[in-house]
Amino acid sequence: MFENYPGLAFHILKVDEINEKYYKDYPEFRIKFWPNITWSKDEIYVSRIGIRATNSMINLKKDKRVEALKLYGFTLEKDINASVPRMTLSLNSGHWIDESEDMYERIFRVVEPNGIFSKEKREAIKKLHMRAYFDSGDKLTGHHIWLSMNQDGVEREDVCNKMSEFRNSIIKAEGGKLYGSDIFYVESCVYLMTLYDLLSSGHRVWMVYDCFYSTGKEDLELFENMISNGVRLNFEEFFRMYWKV
């Protein structure tokens, strides 16, 4: 495990430090970061390994989350735009892709280089992206979409072909290679170090996957710049030290 994920041991130690030093009095924010191993049905081989930083409050519903932000005095918020496609392209490019790059438009341009990109098209790509990214094959993605939609007058093969084209567009737009659930491991390592930097600078922070809620005297623009710069630096550090090409 530690050979295949060379940054895992270091980041587990940082999580322990975060939990003991900064979340000692906030057990609800304590980070859980340990491999979740899934075995095949016959228990002969490992079918999946998932490594993602979570905490006990991470799945709060929207209304409860709003209450939590008020309770803890979190007035600042920043999430990383299009985190999974951005992290994927960054890994394939060897450097951090700035948030000025619209990842969903980038995918759209592979399909329609001269088409008119709209808010509706961005939402459609965003909605389908994660399913297309994580399904294990082109046809499987289309099959799952077809099962979940109104099938009147719709041929399964047509849906499969469209989703196959879409998945291939994602692969091309994001640099030629997808990483499955391992992308959550990379995200976690990068964002954990960004969380550590914030906590050590005196902020109280709740991290929800790719989103940071924080106290602080900064205005929102300054806080967003702090997070963006921190993520860029921590990605480049992770890539240089731990990423096996």
C-alpha atoms as a PDB file:
ATOM      1  CA  MET A   1       0.000   0.000   0.000  1.00  0.00           C
ATOM      2  CA  PHE A   2       2.708   2.466   0.966  1.00  0.00           C
ATOM      3  CA  GLU A   3       4.742   1.564  -2.131  1.00  0.00           C
ATOM      4  CA  ASN A   4       1.811   2.234  -4.455  1.00  0.00           C
ATOM      5  CA  TYR A   5       0.823   5.414  -2.582  1.00  0.00           C
ATOM      6  CA  PRO A   6       4.196   6.913  -1.578  1.00  0.00           C
ATOM      7  CA  GLY A   7       2.633  10.031  -0.055  1.00  0.00           C
ATOM      8  CA  LEU A   8       0.206   8.113   2.136  1.00  0.00           C
ATOM      9  CA  ALA A   9       2.421   7.607   5.197  1.00  0.00           C
ATOM     10  CA  PHE A  10       3.431  11.278   5.376  1.00  0.00           C
ATOM     11  CA  HIS A  11      -0.124  12.552   5.021  1.00  0.00           C
ATOM     12  CA  ILE A  12      -1.442  10.119   7.632  1.00  0.00           C
ATOM     13  CA  LEU A  13       1.095  11.653  10.037  1.00  0.00           C
ATOM     14  CA  LYS A  14      -0.103  15.162   9.115  1.00  0.00           C
ATOM     15  CA  VAL A  15      -3.705  14.091   9.742  1.00  0.00           C
ATOM     16  CA  ASP A  16      -2.706  12.808  13.186  1.00  0.00           C
ATOM     17  CA  GLU A  17      -1.044  16.160  13.900  1.00  0.00           C
ATOM     18  CA  ILE A  18      -4.085  18.097  12.695  1.00  0.00           C
ATOM     19  CA  ASN A  19      -6.438  16.013  14.818  1.00  0.00           C
ATOM     20  CA  GLU A  20      -4.356  16.211  17.996  1.00  0.00           C
ATOM     21  CA  LYS A  21      -3.188  19.797  17.710  1.00  0.00           C
ATOM     22  CA  TYR A  22      -6.079  21.635  16.082  1.00  0.00           C
ATOM     23  CA  TYR A  23      -9.156  19.435  16.430  1.00  0.00           C
ATOM     24  CA  LYS A  24      -8.619  18.160  19.967  1.00  0.00           C
ATOM     25  CA  ASP A  25     -11.610  20.211  21.129  1.00  0.00           C
ATOM     26  CA  TYR A  26     -13.544  19.720  17.871  1.00  0.00           C
ATOM     27  CA  PRO A  27     -13.932  15.939  17.427  1.00  0.00           C
ATOM     28  CA  GLU A  28     -16.624  16.510  14.805  1.00  0.00           C
ATOM     29  CA  PHE A  29     -13.974  17.993  12.484  1.00  0.00           C
ATOM     30  CA  ARG A  30     -11.363  15.300  13.067  1.00  0.00           C
ATOM     31  CA  ILE A  31     -10.076  13.911   9.779  1.00  0.00           C
ATOM     32  CA  LYS A  32     -10.381  10.251   8.832  1.00  0.00           C
ATOM     33  CA  PHE A  33      -7.779   9.284   6.249  1.00  0.00           C
ATOM     34  CA  TRP A  34      -7.146   5.598   5.816  1.00  0.00           C
ATOM     35  CA  PRO A  35      -7.587   3.184   2.893  1.00  0.00           C
ATOM     36  CA  ASN A  36     -11.022   1.636   2.474  1.00  0.00           C
ATOM     37  CA  ILE A  37     -10.482  -1.774   0.884  1.00  0.00           C
ATOM     38  CA  THR A  38     -13.248  -3.604  -1.013  1.00  0.00           C
ATOM     39  CA  TRP A  39     -12.857  -7.312  -1.763  1.00  0.00           C
ATOM     40  CA  SER A  40     -14.398  -9.233  -4.635  1.00  0.00           C
ATOM     41  CA  LYS A  41     -17.562 -11.220  -3.889  1.00  0.00           C
ATOM     42  CA  ASP A  42     -15.550 -14.442  -3.698  1.00  0.00           C
ATOM     43  CA  GLU A  43     -13.012 -12.654  -1.446  1.00  0.00           C
ATOM     44  CA  ILE A  44     -10.111 -13.733  -3.671  1.00  0.00           C
ATOM     45  CA  TYR A  45      -8.821 -10.319  -4.707  1.00  0.00           C
ATOM     46  CA  VAL A  46      -9.113  -6.626  -3.838  1.00  0.00           C
ATOM     47  CA  SER A  47     -11.572  -5.079  -6.280  1.00  0.00           C
ATOM     48  CA  ARG A  48     -11.241  -1.468  -5.141  1.00  0.00           C
ATOM     49  CA  ILE A  49      -9.150   0.756  -2.901  1.00  0.00           C
ATOM     50  CA  GLY A  50     -10.572   4.099  -1.844  1.00  0.00           C
ATOM     51  CA  ILE A  51      -8.505   6.699   0.021  1.00  0.00           C
ATOM     52  CA  ARG A  52     -10.280   9.970   0.740  1.00  0.00           C
ATOM     53  CA  ALA A  53     -10.165  12.429   3.632  1.00  0.00           C
ATOM     54  CA  THR A  54     -13.511  12.708   5.413  1.00  0.00           C
ATOM     55  CA  ASN A  55     -14.960  13.722   8.767  1.00  0.00           C
ATOM     56  CA  SER A  56     -18.139  12.967  10.698  1.00  0.00           C
ATOM     57  CA  MET A  57     -19.897  16.155   9.536  1.00  0.00           C
ATOM     58  CA  ILE A  58     -19.075  15.873   5.858  1.00  0.00           C
ATOM     59  CA  ASN A  59     -22.515  14.626   4.780  1.00  0.00           C
ATOM     60  CA  LEU A  60     -24.595  17.275   6.542  1.00  0.00           C
ATOM     61  CA  LYS A  61     -27.644  18.298   4.525  1.00  0.00           C
ATOM     62  CA  LYS A  62     -27.692  21.825   3.125  1.00  0.00           C
ATOM     63  CA  ASP A  63     -29.934  23.353   5.813  1.00  0.00           C
ATOM     64  CA  LYS A  64     -27.924  21.751   8.621  1.00  0.00           C
ATOM     65  CA  ARG A  65     -24.692  22.929   7.022  1.00  0.00           C
ATOM     66  CA  VAL A  66     -25.925  26.519   7.052  1.00  0.00           C
ATOM     67  CA  GLU A  67     -26.683  26.161  10.758  1.00  0.00           C
ATOM     68  CA  ALA A  68     -23.197  24.748  11.372  1.00  0.00           C
ATOM     69  CA  LEU A  69     -21.510  27.657   9.609  1.00  0.00           C
ATOM     70  CA  LYS A  70     -23.323  30.122  11.879  1.00  0.00           C
ATOM     71  CA  LEU A  71     -22.616  28.054  14.995  1.00  0.00           C
ATOM     72  CA  TYR A  72     -18.861  27.904  14.420  1.00  0.00           C
ATOM     73  CA  GLY A  73     -18.516  31.423  13.017  1.00  0.00           C
ATOM     74  CA  PHE A  74     -17.373  30.337   9.574  1.00  0.00           C
ATOM     75  CA  THR A  75     -17.719  33.500   7.516  1.00  0.00           C
ATOM     76  CA  LEU A  76     -15.308  32.598   4.701  1.00  0.00           C
ATOM     77  CA  GLU A  77     -15.803  29.931   2.047  1.00  0.00           C
ATOM     78  CA  LYS A  78     -13.858  28.704  -0.951  1.00  0.00           C
ATOM     79  CA  ASP A  79     -14.260  25.576  -3.047  1.00  0.00           C
ATOM     80  CA  ILE A  80     -11.976  24.488  -5.855  1.00  0.00           C
ATOM     81  CA  ASN A  81     -13.812  24.834  -9.133  1.00  0.00           C
ATOM     82  CA  ALA A  82     -14.208  21.573 -11.098  1.00  0.00           C
ATOM     83  CA  SER A  83     -11.839  19.815  -8.718  1.00  0.00           C
ATOM     84  CA  VAL A  84     -11.740  16.314 -10.255  1.00  0.00           C
ATOM     85  CA  PRO A  85     -11.197  17.361 -13.900  1.00  0.00           C
ATOM     86  CA  ARG A  86      -8.788  20.116 -12.836  1.00  0.00           C
ATOM     87  CA  MET A  87      -6.733  17.771 -10.660  1.00  0.00           C
ATOM     88  CA  THR A  88      -6.695  15.190 -13.468  1.00  0.00           C
ATOM     89  CA  LEU A  89      -5.457  17.644 -16.095  1.00  0.00           C
ATOM     90  CA  SER A  90      -2.908  18.977 -13.613  1.00  0.00           C
ATOM     91  CA  LEU A  91      -1.493  15.488 -13.039  1.00  0.00           C
ATOM     92  CA  ASN A  92      -1.325  14.856 -16.777  1.00  0.00           C
ATOM     93  CA  SER A  93       0.242  18.270 -17.433  1.00  0.00           C
ATOM     94  CA  GLY A  94       2.771  18.148 -14.604  1.00  0.00           C
ATOM     95  CA  HIS A  95       1.698  21.505 -13.173  1.00  0.00           C
ATOM     96  CA  TRP A  96      -1.355  23.051 -11.537  1.00  0.00           C
ATOM     97  CA  ILE A  97      -4.094  24.221 -13.917  1.00  0.00           C
ATOM     98  CA  ASP A  98      -5.335  27.595 -12.723  1.00  0.00           C
ATOM     99  CA  GLU A  99      -9.028  28.070 -11.989  1.00  0.00           C
ATOM    100  CA  SER A 100      -9.233  30.617 -14.784  1.00  0.00           C
ATOM    101  CA  GLU A 101      -9.368  27.567 -17.082  1.00  0.00           C
ATOM    102  CA  ASP A 102     -13.021  26.543 -17.455  1.00  0.00           C
ATOM    103  CA  MET A 103     -12.761  22.767 -17.363  1.00  0.00           C
ATOM    104  CA  TYR A 104     -16.338  22.167 -18.490  1.00  0.00           C
ATOM    105  CA  GLU A 105     -15.957  24.455 -21.490  1.00  0.00           C
ATOM    106  CA  ARG A 106     -12.710  22.667 -22.268  1.00  0.00           C
ATOM    107  CA  ILE A 107     -14.626  19.372 -22.461  1.00  0.00           C
ATOM    108  CA  PHE A 108     -17.339  21.007 -24.565  1.00  0.00           C
ATOM    109  CA  ARG A 109     -14.753  22.322 -27.061  1.00  0.00           C
ATOM    110  CA  VAL A 110     -13.556  18.789 -27.762  1.00  0.00           C
ATOM    111  CA  VAL A 111     -17.091  17.905 -28.873  1.00  0.00           C
ATOM    112  CA  GLU A 112     -18.025  21.226 -30.512  1.00  0.00           C
ATOM    113  CA  PRO A 113     -14.921  23.353 -31.217  1.00  0.00           C
ATOM    114  CA  ASN A 114     -16.998  26.198 -32.668  1.00  0.00           C
ATOM    115  CA  GLY A 115     -20.234  25.660 -30.759  1.00  0.00           C
ATOM    116  CA  ILE A 116     -21.936  28.152 -28.464  1.00  0.00           C
ATOM    117  CA  PHE A 117     -21.154  27.300 -24.848  1.00  0.00           C
ATOM    118  CA  SER A 118     -23.905  28.206 -22.378  1.00  0.00           C
ATOM    119  CA  LYS A 119     -24.722  27.947 -18.691  1.00  0.00           C
ATOM    120  CA  GLU A 120     -27.134  25.098 -19.467  1.00  0.00           C
ATOM    121  CA  LYS A 121     -24.442  23.152 -21.333  1.00  0.00           C
ATOM    122  CA  ARG A 122     -21.998  23.659 -18.473  1.00  0.00           C
ATOM    123  CA  GLU A 123     -24.545  22.278 -16.008  1.00  0.00           C
ATOM    124  CA  ALA A 124     -25.244  19.276 -18.242  1.00  0.00           C
ATOM    125  CA  ILE A 125     -21.534  18.458 -18.576  1.00  0.00           C
ATOM    126  CA  LYS A 126     -21.018  18.961 -14.851  1.00  0.00           C
ATOM    127  CA  LYS A 127     -23.934  16.664 -14.033  1.00  0.00           C
ATOM    128  CA  LEU A 128     -22.707  13.836 -16.267  1.00  0.00           C
ATOM    129  CA  HIS A 129     -18.987  14.233 -15.688  1.00  0.00           C
ATOM    130  CA  MET A 130     -18.550  12.238 -12.485  1.00  0.00           C
ATOM    131  CA  ARG A 131     -20.533   9.268 -13.763  1.00  0.00           C
ATOM    132  CA  ALA A 132     -18.585   9.199 -17.023  1.00  0.00           C
ATOM    133  CA  TYR A 133     -15.292   9.631 -15.178  1.00  0.00           C
ATOM    134  CA  PHE A 134     -15.739   6.777 -12.728  1.00  0.00           C
ATOM    135  CA  ASP A 135     -17.582   4.154 -14.775  1.00  0.00           C
ATOM    136  CA  SER A 136     -15.160   1.452 -15.847  1.00  0.00           C
ATOM    137  CA  GLY A 137     -16.010   1.498 -19.547  1.00  0.00           C
ATOM    138  CA  ASP A 138     -17.609   3.589 -22.275  1.00  0.00           C
ATOM    139  CA  LYS A 139     -20.659   1.354 -22.768  1.00  0.00           C
ATOM    140  CA  LEU A 140     -21.201   0.953 -19.028  1.00  0.00           C
ATOM    141  CA  THR A 141     -21.620   4.697 -18.636  1.00  0.00           C
ATOM    142  CA  GLY A 142     -24.309   4.813 -21.328  1.00  0.00           C
ATOM    143  CA  HIS A 143     -26.083   1.774 -19.925  1.00  0.00           C
ATOM    144  CA  HIS A 144     -26.372   3.367 -16.477  1.00  0.00           C
ATOM    145  CA  ILE A 145     -27.679   6.609 -17.972  1.00  0.00           C
ATOM    146  CA  TRP A 146     -30.218   4.714 -20.087  1.00  0.00           C
ATOM    147  CA  LEU A 147     -31.498   2.799 -17.040  1.00  0.00           C
ATOM    148  CA  SER A 148     -32.103   6.043 -15.143  1.00  0.00           C
ATOM    149  CA  MET A 149     -33.953   7.932 -17.906  1.00  0.00           C
ATOM    150  CA  ASN A 150     -37.347   7.819 -19.592  1.00  0.00           C
ATOM    151  CA  GLN A 151     -36.754   5.174 -22.250  1.00  0.00           C
ATOM    152  CA  ASP A 152     -39.753   5.919 -24.494  1.00  0.00           C
ATOM    153  CA  GLY A 153     -38.475   6.286 -28.051  1.00  0.00           C
ATOM    154  CA  VAL A 154     -34.871   6.102 -26.907  1.00  0.00           C
ATOM    155  CA  GLU A 155     -32.566   3.346 -28.072  1.00  0.00           C
ATOM    156  CA  ARG A 156     -30.107   2.013 -25.541  1.00  0.00           C
ATOM    157  CA  GLU A 157     -27.365   1.782 -28.167  1.00  0.00           C
ATOM    158  CA  ASP A 158     -27.781   5.468 -29.086  1.00  0.00           C
ATOM    159  CA  VAL A 159     -27.355   6.507 -25.451  1.00  0.00           C
ATOM    160  CA  CYS A 160     -24.334   4.231 -25.084  1.00  0.00           C
ATOM    161  CA  ASN A 161     -22.719   5.697 -28.191  1.00  0.00           C
ATOM    162  CA  LYS A 162     -23.305   9.287 -27.048  1.00  0.00           C
ATOM    163  CA  MET A 163     -21.907   8.606 -23.600  1.00  0.00           C
ATOM    164  CA  SER A 164     -18.940   6.821 -25.154  1.00  0.00           C
ATOM    165  CA  GLU A 165     -18.215   9.967 -27.171  1.00  0.00           C
ATOM    166  CA  PHE A 166     -18.635  12.068 -24.036  1.00  0.00           C
ATOM    167  CA  ARG A 167     -16.250   9.938 -21.986  1.00  0.00           C
ATOM    168  CA  ASN A 168     -13.660  10.039 -24.751  1.00  0.00           C
ATOM    169  CA  SER A 169     -14.029  13.836 -24.798  1.00  0.00           C
ATOM    170  CA  ILE A 170     -13.358  13.923 -21.054  1.00  0.00           C
ATOM    171  CA  ILE A 171     -10.240  11.809 -21.485  1.00  0.00           C
ATOM    172  CA  LYS A 172      -8.932  14.067 -24.253  1.00  0.00           C
ATOM    173  CA  ALA A 173      -9.815  17.333 -22.487  1.00  0.00           C
ATOM    174  CA  GLU A 174      -8.232  16.180 -19.219  1.00  0.00           C
ATOM    175  CA  GLY A 175      -4.901  15.199 -20.701  1.00  0.00           C
ATOM    176  CA  GLY A 176      -5.275  11.638 -21.946  1.00  0.00           C
ATOM    177  CA  LYS A 177      -5.622   9.616 -18.752  1.00  0.00           C
ATOM    178  CA  LEU A 178      -8.217   9.233 -15.978  1.00  0.00           C
ATOM    179  CA  TYR A 179      -7.359   7.974 -12.504  1.00  0.00           C
ATOM    180  CA  GLY A 180     -10.563   6.488 -11.133  1.00  0.00           C
ATOM    181  CA  SER A 181     -10.927   6.684  -7.351  1.00  0.00           C
ATOM    182  CA  ASP A 182      -7.195   7.423  -6.995  1.00  0.00           C
ATOM    183  CA  ILE A 183      -8.010  11.021  -7.897  1.00  0.00           C
ATOM    184  CA  PHE A 184      -9.631  11.349  -4.459  1.00  0.00           C
ATOM    185  CA  TYR A 185      -6.360  10.257  -2.848  1.00  0.00           C
ATOM    186  CA  VAL A 186      -4.473  12.987  -4.727  1.00  0.00           C
ATOM    187  CA  GLU A 187      -7.126  15.582  -3.882  1.00  0.00           C
ATOM    188  CA  SER A 188      -7.013  14.608  -0.235  1.00  0.00           C
ATOM    189  CA  CYS A 189      -3.240  14.934   0.037  1.00  0.00           C
ATOM    190  CA  VAL A 190      -3.212  18.337  -1.651  1.00  0.00           C
ATOM    191  CA  TYR A 191      -6.172  19.731   0.282  1.00  0.00           C
ATOM    192  CA  LEU A 192      -4.998  18.299   3.614  1.00  0.00           C
ATOM    193  CA  MET A 193      -1.795  20.302   3.343  1.00  0.00           C
ATOM    194  CA  THR A 194      -3.804  23.396   2.426  1.00  0.00           C
ATOM    195  CA  LEU A 195      -5.963  22.763   5.500  1.00  0.00           C
ATOM    196  CA  TYR A 196      -2.821  22.351   7.614  1.00  0.00           C
ATOM    197  CA  ASP A 197      -1.458  25.680   6.376  1.00  0.00           C
ATOM    198  CA  LEU A 198      -4.713  27.443   7.253  1.00  0.00           C
ATOM    199  CA  LEU A 199      -4.971  25.889  10.702  1.00  0.00           C
ATOM    200  CA  SER A 200      -1.344  26.665  11.537  1.00  0.00           C
ATOM    201  CA  SER A 201      -1.923  30.316  10.570  1.00  0.00           C
ATOM    202  CA  GLY A 202      -4.618  30.640  13.240  1.00  0.00           C
ATOM    203  CA  HIS A 203      -7.807  29.929  11.286  1.00  0.00           C
ATOM    204  CA  ARG A 204     -10.479  27.532  12.470  1.00  0.00           C
ATOM    205  CA  VAL A 205     -11.416  25.498   9.400  1.00  0.00           C
ATOM    206  CA  TRP A 206     -13.853  22.820   8.367  1.00  0.00           C
ATOM    207  CA  MET A 207     -12.841  21.003   5.180  1.00  0.00           C
ATOM    208  CA  VAL A 208     -15.573  19.322   3.131  1.00  0.00           C
ATOM    209  CA  TYR A 209     -13.811  17.453   0.318  1.00  0.00           C
ATOM    210  CA  ASP A 210     -12.732  20.331  -1.989  1.00  0.00           C
ATOM    211  CA  CYS A 211     -14.358  23.134   0.017  1.00  0.00           C
ATOM    212  CA  PHE A 212     -12.925  25.148   2.906  1.00  0.00           C
ATOM    213  CA  TYR A 213     -15.109  26.931   5.479  1.00  0.00           C
ATOM    214  CA  SER A 214     -13.114  29.210   7.750  1.00  0.00           C
ATOM    215  CA  THR A 215     -12.980  31.932  10.340  1.00  0.00           C
ATOM    216  CA  GLY A 216     -10.676  34.858   9.668  1.00  0.00           C
ATOM    217  CA  LYS A 217     -10.324  38.609   9.307  1.00  0.00           C
ATOM    218  CA  GLU A 218      -9.590  38.452   5.563  1.00  0.00           C
ATOM    219  CA  ASP A 219     -12.172  39.621   3.061  1.00  0.00           C
ATOM    220  CA  LEU A 220     -13.542  36.945   0.756  1.00  0.00           C
ATOM    221  CA  GLU A 221     -11.349  37.869  -2.217  1.00  0.00           C
ATOM    222  CA  LEU A 222      -8.164  37.632  -0.165  1.00  0.00           C
ATOM    223  CA  PHE A 223      -9.274  34.343   1.372  1.00  0.00           C
ATOM    224  CA  GLU A 224     -10.047  32.855  -2.046  1.00  0.00           C
ATOM    225  CA  ASN A 225      -6.610  33.916  -3.291  1.00  0.00           C
ATOM    226  CA  MET A 226      -4.999  32.352  -0.215  1.00  0.00           C
ATOM    227  CA  ILE A 227      -6.701  29.026  -0.910  1.00  0.00           C
ATOM    228  CA  SER A 228      -5.982  29.098  -4.649  1.00  0.00           C
ATOM    229  CA  ASN A 229      -2.307  29.868  -4.106  1.00  0.00           C
ATOM    230  CA  GLY A 230      -2.041  27.305  -1.323  1.00  0.00           C
ATOM    231  CA  VAL A 231      -3.583  24.568  -3.441  1.00  0.00           C
ATOM    232  CA  ARG A 232      -1.264  25.369  -6.343  1.00  0.00           C
ATOM    233  CA  LEU A 233       1.839  25.222  -4.128  1.00  0.00           C
ATOM    234  CA  ASN A 234       0.729  22.056  -2.354  1.00  0.00           C
ATOM    235  CA  PHE A 235      -0.143  20.333  -5.630  1.00  0.00           C
ATOM    236  CA  GLU A 236       3.260  21.100  -7.077  1.00  0.00           C
ATOM    237  CA  GLU A 237       4.919  19.865  -3.867  1.00  0.00           C
ATOM    238  CA  PHE A 238       2.900  16.638  -3.975  1.00  0.00           C
ATOM    239  CA  PHE A 239       3.622  16.114  -7.669  1.00  0.00           C
ATOM    240  CA  ARG A 240       7.351  16.642  -7.223  1.00  0.00           C
ATOM    241  CA  MET A 241       7.741  14.464  -4.141  1.00  0.00           C
ATOM    242  CA  TYR A 242       5.155  11.697  -4.389  1.00  0.00           C
ATOM    243  CA  TRP A 243       3.678  11.278  -7.832  1.00  0.00           C
ATOM    244  CA  LYS A 244       4.821   8.253  -9.799  1.00  0.00           C
ATOM    245  CA  VAL A 245       4.573   8.951 -13.519  1.00  0.00           C
END
